[in-house]
Amino acid sequence: MTLSQVHELFDYWREYPPLHEMAKSYFGIKKPLTMQEEIAQGAMGPAEFAEYYKRTGGRLEGVGPT
């Protein structure tokens, strides 16, 4: 992107602001985590989920009728 293209883009945004970006900022919406980030925070990885699924027969423990 050239400097003149950047200038044109900013001029366009000045007249037609990117509303979706303003709304995300206002509501504090952040980019979703990657799978690696979720796993680092304690979520099950694919191998753990497969083992859990086999162990429980596909049922969620503590949810629904037993």
PDB file of N, CA and C in Angstrom:
ATOM      1  N   MET A   1       0.853  -1.161   0.000  1.00  0.00           N
ATOM      2  CA  MET A   1       0.000   0.000   0.000  1.00  0.00           C
ATOM      3  C   MET A   1       0.905   1.232   0.000  1.00  0.00           C
ATOM      4  N   THR A   2       0.614   2.133  -0.896  1.00  0.00           N
ATOM      5  CA  THR A   2       1.424   3.348  -0.984  1.00  0.00           C
ATOM      6  C   THR A   2       0.919   4.392   0.003  1.00  0.00           C
ATOM      7  N   LEU A   3       1.727   5.406   0.213  1.00  0.00           N
ATOM      8  CA  LEU A   3       1.350   6.477   1.120  1.00  0.00           C
ATOM      9  C   LEU A   3       0.114   7.227   0.616  1.00  0.00           C
ATOM     10  N   SER A   4       0.011   7.409  -0.678  1.00  0.00           N
ATOM     11  CA  SER A   4      -1.172   8.091  -1.211  1.00  0.00           C
ATOM     12  C   SER A   4      -2.429   7.233  -1.033  1.00  0.00           C
ATOM     13  N   GLN A   5      -2.291   5.902  -1.136  1.00  0.00           N
ATOM     14  CA  GLN A   5      -3.432   5.012  -0.894  1.00  0.00           C
ATOM     15  C   GLN A   5      -3.868   5.069   0.567  1.00  0.00           C
ATOM     16  N   VAL A   6      -2.911   5.134   1.476  1.00  0.00           N
ATOM     17  CA  VAL A   6      -3.222   5.256   2.902  1.00  0.00           C
ATOM     18  C   VAL A   6      -3.968   6.564   3.152  1.00  0.00           C
ATOM     19  N   HIS A   7      -3.500   7.633   2.543  1.00  0.00           N
ATOM     20  CA  HIS A   7      -4.155   8.940   2.688  1.00  0.00           C
ATOM     21  C   HIS A   7      -5.601   8.865   2.181  1.00  0.00           C
ATOM     22  N   GLU A   8      -5.809   8.226   1.026  1.00  0.00           N
ATOM     23  CA  GLU A   8      -7.166   8.072   0.485  1.00  0.00           C
ATOM     24  C   GLU A   8      -8.037   7.232   1.416  1.00  0.00           C
ATOM     25  N   LEU A   9      -7.472   6.191   1.978  1.00  0.00           N
ATOM     26  CA  LEU A   9      -8.225   5.339   2.892  1.00  0.00           C
ATOM     27  C   LEU A   9      -8.646   6.115   4.142  1.00  0.00           C
ATOM     28  N   PHE A  10      -7.731   6.888   4.706  1.00  0.00           N
ATOM     29  CA  PHE A  10      -8.072   7.688   5.887  1.00  0.00           C
ATOM     30  C   PHE A  10      -9.122   8.741   5.561  1.00  0.00           C
ATOM     31  N   ASP A  11      -9.034   9.342   4.381  1.00  0.00           N
ATOM     32  CA  ASP A  11     -10.067  10.293   3.957  1.00  0.00           C
ATOM     33  C   ASP A  11     -11.420   9.605   3.863  1.00  0.00           C
ATOM     34  N   TYR A  12     -11.427   8.397   3.307  1.00  0.00           N
ATOM     35  CA  TYR A  12     -12.668   7.630   3.194  1.00  0.00           C
ATOM     36  C   TYR A  12     -13.222   7.312   4.583  1.00  0.00           C
ATOM     37  N   TRP A  13     -12.372   6.860   5.498  1.00  0.00           N
ATOM     38  CA  TRP A  13     -12.812   6.524   6.851  1.00  0.00           C
ATOM     39  C   TRP A  13     -13.316   7.753   7.598  1.00  0.00           C
ATOM     40  N   ARG A  14     -12.747   8.923   7.307  1.00  0.00           N
ATOM     41  CA  ARG A  14     -13.207  10.142   7.942  1.00  0.00           C
ATOM     42  C   ARG A  14     -14.664  10.410   7.556  1.00  0.00           C
ATOM     43  N   GLU A  15     -15.016  10.141   6.294  1.00  0.00           N
ATOM     44  CA  GLU A  15     -16.378  10.362   5.820  1.00  0.00           C
ATOM     45  C   GLU A  15     -17.294   9.187   6.158  1.00  0.00           C
ATOM     46  N   TYR A  16     -16.767   7.972   6.059  1.00  0.00           N
ATOM     47  CA  TYR A  16     -17.540   6.749   6.335  1.00  0.00           C
ATOM     48  C   TYR A  16     -16.763   5.895   7.335  1.00  0.00           C
ATOM     49  N   PRO A  17     -16.864   6.207   8.631  1.00  0.00           N
ATOM     50  CA  PRO A  17     -16.065   5.466   9.624  1.00  0.00           C
ATOM     51  C   PRO A  17     -16.456   3.982   9.673  1.00  0.00           C
ATOM     52  N   PRO A  18     -15.484   3.131   9.968  1.00  0.00           N
ATOM     53  CA  PRO A  18     -15.756   1.692  10.071  1.00  0.00           C
ATOM     54  C   PRO A  18     -16.565   1.402  11.345  1.00  0.00           C
ATOM     55  N   LEU A  19     -17.874   1.433  11.221  1.00  0.00           N
ATOM     56  CA  LEU A  19     -18.775   1.322  12.367  1.00  0.00           C
ATOM     57  C   LEU A  19     -18.552   0.035  13.155  1.00  0.00           C
ATOM     58  N   HIS A  20     -18.290  -1.070  12.460  1.00  0.00           N
ATOM     59  CA  HIS A  20     -18.097  -2.335  13.181  1.00  0.00           C
ATOM     60  C   HIS A  20     -16.894  -2.258  14.124  1.00  0.00           C
ATOM     61  N   GLU A  21     -15.842  -1.553  13.727  1.00  0.00           N
ATOM     62  CA  GLU A  21     -14.674  -1.409  14.600  1.00  0.00           C
ATOM     63  C   GLU A  21     -14.993  -0.510  15.792  1.00  0.00           C
ATOM     64  N   MET A  22     -15.777   0.541  15.562  1.00  0.00           N
ATOM     65  CA  MET A  22     -16.155   1.430  16.661  1.00  0.00           C
ATOM     66  C   MET A  22     -17.036   0.684  17.660  1.00  0.00           C
ATOM     67  N   ALA A  23     -17.968  -0.137  17.165  1.00  0.00           N
ATOM     68  CA  ALA A  23     -18.854  -0.904  18.047  1.00  0.00           C
ATOM     69  C   ALA A  23     -18.051  -1.921  18.864  1.00  0.00           C
ATOM     70  N   LYS A  24     -17.110  -2.615  18.224  1.00  0.00           N
ATOM     71  CA  LYS A  24     -16.269  -3.572  18.960  1.00  0.00           C
ATOM     72  C   LYS A  24     -15.508  -2.878  20.070  1.00  0.00           C
ATOM     73  N   SER A  25     -14.972  -1.706  19.783  1.00  0.00           N
ATOM     74  CA  SER A  25     -14.228  -0.956  20.781  1.00  0.00           C
ATOM     75  C   SER A  25     -15.136  -0.514  21.923  1.00  0.00           C
ATOM     76  N   TYR A  26     -16.308  -0.004  21.592  1.00  0.00           N
ATOM     77  CA  TYR A  26     -17.240   0.482  22.609  1.00  0.00           C
ATOM     78  C   TYR A  26     -17.684  -0.642  23.542  1.00  0.00           C
ATOM     79  N   PHE A  27     -18.005  -1.813  22.974  1.00  0.00           N
ATOM     80  CA  PHE A  27     -18.501  -2.932  23.779  1.00  0.00           C
ATOM     81  C   PHE A  27     -17.389  -3.800  24.353  1.00  0.00           C
ATOM     82  N   GLY A  28     -16.141  -3.494  24.051  1.00  0.00           N
ATOM     83  CA  GLY A  28     -15.021  -4.249  24.597  1.00  0.00           C
ATOM     84  C   GLY A  28     -14.883  -5.636  24.003  1.00  0.00           C
ATOM     85  N   ILE A  29     -15.329  -5.814  22.766  1.00  0.00           N
ATOM     86  CA  ILE A  29     -15.251  -7.122  22.101  1.00  0.00           C
ATOM     87  C   ILE A  29     -13.825  -7.318  21.610  1.00  0.00           C
ATOM     88  N   LYS A  30     -13.263  -8.452  21.969  1.00  0.00           N
ATOM     89  CA  LYS A  30     -11.886  -8.745  21.586  1.00  0.00           C
ATOM     90  C   LYS A  30     -11.850  -9.889  20.585  1.00  0.00           C
ATOM     91  N   LYS A  31     -10.732 -10.022  19.920  1.00  0.00           N
ATOM     92  CA  LYS A  31     -10.515 -11.095  18.959  1.00  0.00           C
ATOM     93  C   LYS A  31     -10.585 -12.443  19.688  1.00  0.00           C
ATOM     94  N   PRO A  32     -11.254 -13.454  19.099  1.00  0.00           N
ATOM     95  CA  PRO A  32     -11.317 -14.767  19.757  1.00  0.00           C
ATOM     96  C   PRO A  32      -9.919 -15.373  19.940  1.00  0.00           C
ATOM     97  N   LEU A  33      -9.781 -16.182  20.974  1.00  0.00           N
ATOM     98  CA  LEU A  33      -8.505 -16.844  21.231  1.00  0.00           C
ATOM     99  C   LEU A  33      -8.266 -17.933  20.197  1.00  0.00           C
ATOM    100  N   THR A  34      -7.000 -18.203  19.919  1.00  0.00           N
ATOM    101  CA  THR A  34      -6.653 -19.342  19.071  1.00  0.00           C
ATOM    102  C   THR A  34      -6.780 -20.614  19.910  1.00  0.00           C
ATOM    103  N   MET A  35      -6.779 -21.757  19.248  1.00  0.00           N
ATOM    104  CA  MET A  35      -6.883 -23.025  19.977  1.00  0.00           C
ATOM    105  C   MET A  35      -5.713 -23.174  20.945  1.00  0.00           C
ATOM    106  N   GLN A  36      -4.517 -22.778  20.522  1.00  0.00           N
ATOM    107  CA  GLN A  36      -3.346 -22.901  21.392  1.00  0.00           C
ATOM    108  C   GLN A  36      -3.507 -22.011  22.631  1.00  0.00           C
ATOM    109  N   GLU A  37      -4.063 -20.821  22.470  1.00  0.00           N
ATOM    110  CA  GLU A  37      -4.277 -19.936  23.612  1.00  0.00           C
ATOM    111  C   GLU A  37      -5.328 -20.502  24.564  1.00  0.00           C
ATOM    112  N   GLU A  38      -6.396 -21.100  23.999  1.00  0.00           N
ATOM    113  CA  GLU A  38      -7.419 -21.715  24.848  1.00  0.00           C
ATOM    114  C   GLU A  38      -6.841 -22.889  25.639  1.00  0.00           C
ATOM    115  N   ILE A  39      -6.041 -23.727  24.987  1.00  0.00           N
ATOM    116  CA  ILE A  39      -5.421 -24.869  25.661  1.00  0.00           C
ATOM    117  C   ILE A  39      -4.491 -24.370  26.764  1.00  0.00           C
ATOM    118  N   ALA A  40      -3.737 -23.296  26.489  1.00  0.00           N
ATOM    119  CA  ALA A  40      -2.834 -22.737  27.497  1.00  0.00           C
ATOM    120  C   ALA A  40      -3.605 -22.231  28.714  1.00  0.00           C
ATOM    121  N   GLN A  41      -4.873 -21.848  28.521  1.00  0.00           N
ATOM    122  CA  GLN A  41      -5.692 -21.369  29.627  1.00  0.00           C
ATOM    123  C   GLN A  41      -6.468 -22.503  30.299  1.00  0.00           C
ATOM    124  N   GLY A  42      -6.250 -23.749  29.873  1.00  0.00           N
ATOM    125  CA  GLY A  42      -6.851 -24.878  30.562  1.00  0.00           C
ATOM    126  C   GLY A  42      -7.930 -25.620  29.801  1.00  0.00           C
ATOM    127  N   ALA A  43      -8.241 -25.217  28.569  1.00  0.00           N
ATOM    128  CA  ALA A  43      -9.244 -25.931  27.782  1.00  0.00           C
ATOM    129  C   ALA A  43      -8.670 -27.271  27.312  1.00  0.00           C
ATOM    130  N   MET A  44      -9.552 -28.233  27.041  1.00  0.00           N
ATOM    131  CA  MET A  44      -9.112 -29.533  26.552  1.00  0.00           C
ATOM    132  C   MET A  44      -8.581 -29.407  25.132  1.00  0.00           C
ATOM    133  N   GLY A  45      -7.488 -30.086  24.870  1.00  0.00           N
ATOM    134  CA  GLY A  45      -6.970 -30.179  23.514  1.00  0.00           C
ATOM    135  C   GLY A  45      -7.671 -31.311  22.779  1.00  0.00           C
ATOM    136  N   PRO A  46      -7.398 -31.479  21.500  1.00  0.00           N
ATOM    137  CA  PRO A  46      -8.067 -32.524  20.723  1.00  0.00           C
ATOM    138  C   PRO A  46      -7.867 -33.927  21.292  1.00  0.00           C
ATOM    139  N   ALA A  47      -6.665 -34.259  21.730  1.00  0.00           N
ATOM    140  CA  ALA A  47      -6.397 -35.587  22.275  1.00  0.00           C
ATOM    141  C   ALA A  47      -7.153 -35.801  23.589  1.00  0.00           C
ATOM    142  N   GLU A  48      -7.160 -34.783  24.453  1.00  0.00           N
ATOM    143  CA  GLU A  48      -7.895 -34.883  25.719  1.00  0.00           C
ATOM    144  C   GLU A  48      -9.397 -35.026  25.466  1.00  0.00           C
ATOM    145  N   PHE A  49      -9.913 -34.277  24.481  1.00  0.00           N
ATOM    146  CA  PHE A  49     -11.329 -34.357  24.181  1.00  0.00           C
ATOM    147  C   PHE A  49     -11.691 -35.745  23.653  1.00  0.00           C
ATOM    148  N   ALA A  50     -10.856 -36.316  22.785  1.00  0.00           N
ATOM    149  CA  ALA A  50     -11.119 -37.653  22.245  1.00  0.00           C
ATOM    150  C   ALA A  50     -11.145 -38.685  23.372  1.00  0.00           C
ATOM    151  N   GLU A  51     -10.205 -38.588  24.309  1.00  0.00           N
ATOM    152  CA  GLU A  51     -10.170 -39.523  25.448  1.00  0.00           C
ATOM    153  C   GLU A  51     -11.411 -39.340  26.308  1.00  0.00           C
ATOM    154  N   TYR A  52     -11.808 -38.089  26.563  1.00  0.00           N
ATOM    155  CA  TYR A  52     -12.994 -37.797  27.367  1.00  0.00           C
ATOM    156  C   TYR A  52     -14.247 -38.353  26.689  1.00  0.00           C
ATOM    157  N   TYR A  53     -14.336 -38.173  25.373  1.00  0.00           N
ATOM    158  CA  TYR A  53     -15.497 -38.654  24.611  1.00  0.00           C
ATOM    159  C   TYR A  53     -15.599 -40.177  24.704  1.00  0.00           C
ATOM    160  N   LYS A  54     -14.472 -40.868  24.556  1.00  0.00           N
ATOM    161  CA  LYS A  54     -14.481 -42.335  24.664  1.00  0.00           C
ATOM    162  C   LYS A  54     -14.882 -42.766  26.070  1.00  0.00           C
ATOM    163  N   ARG A  55     -14.322 -42.106  27.082  1.00  0.00           N
ATOM    164  CA  ARG A  55     -14.574 -42.485  28.471  1.00  0.00           C
ATOM    165  C   ARG A  55     -16.041 -42.285  28.855  1.00  0.00           C
ATOM    166  N   THR A  56     -16.668 -41.213  28.368  1.00  0.00           N
ATOM    167  CA  THR A  56     -18.044 -40.908  28.777  1.00  0.00           C
ATOM    168  C   THR A  56     -19.090 -41.373  27.770  1.00  0.00           C
ATOM    169  N   GLY A  57     -18.649 -41.951  26.664  1.00  0.00           N
ATOM    170  CA  GLY A  57     -19.600 -42.376  25.638  1.00  0.00           C
ATOM    171  C   GLY A  57     -20.270 -41.185  24.958  1.00  0.00           C
ATOM    172  N   GLY A  58     -19.619 -40.033  24.971  1.00  0.00           N
ATOM    173  CA  GLY A  58     -20.152 -38.850  24.321  1.00  0.00           C
ATOM    174  C   GLY A  58     -21.067 -38.022  25.197  1.00  0.00           C
ATOM    175  N   ARG A  59     -21.250 -38.437  26.457  1.00  0.00           N
ATOM    176  CA  ARG A  59     -22.123 -37.678  27.364  1.00  0.00           C
ATOM    177  C   ARG A  59     -21.306 -36.661  28.153  1.00  0.00           C
ATOM    178  N   LEU A  60     -21.936 -35.545  28.456  1.00  0.00           N
ATOM    179  CA  LEU A  60     -21.303 -34.554  29.311  1.00  0.00           C
ATOM    180  C   LEU A  60     -21.626 -34.900  30.763  1.00  0.00           C
ATOM    181  N   GLU A  61     -20.613 -35.016  31.574  1.00  0.00           N
ATOM    182  CA  GLU A  61     -20.826 -35.355  32.968  1.00  0.00           C
ATOM    183  C   GLU A  61     -21.544 -34.217  33.676  1.00  0.00           C
ATOM    184  N   GLY A  62     -22.606 -34.536  34.428  1.00  0.00           N
ATOM    185  CA  GLY A  62     -23.319 -33.553  35.184  1.00  0.00           C
ATOM    186  C   GLY A  62     -24.343 -32.758  34.386  1.00  0.00           C
ATOM    187  N   VAL A  63     -24.594 -33.178  33.140  1.00  0.00           N
ATOM    188  CA  VAL A  63     -25.560 -32.456  32.299  1.00  0.00           C
ATOM    189  C   VAL A  63     -26.601 -33.433  31.809  1.00  0.00           C
ATOM    190  N   GLY A  64     -27.853 -33.082  31.960  1.00  0.00           N
ATOM    191  CA  GLY A  64     -28.947 -33.895  31.435  1.00  0.00           C
ATOM    192  C   GLY A  64     -29.209 -35.147  32.236  1.00  0.00           C
ATOM    193  N   PRO A  65     -30.186 -35.948  31.767  1.00  0.00           N
ATOM    194  CA  PRO A  65     -30.538 -37.189  32.487  1.00  0.00           C
ATOM    195  C   PRO A  65     -29.414 -38.219  32.399  1.00  0.00           C
ATOM    196  N   THR A  66     -29.295 -39.027  33.414  1.00  0.00           N
ATOM    197  CA  THR A  66     -28.252 -40.039  33.431  1.00  0.00           C
ATOM    198  C   THR A  66     -28.786 -41.392  33.031  1.00  0.00           C
TER     199      THR A  66
END
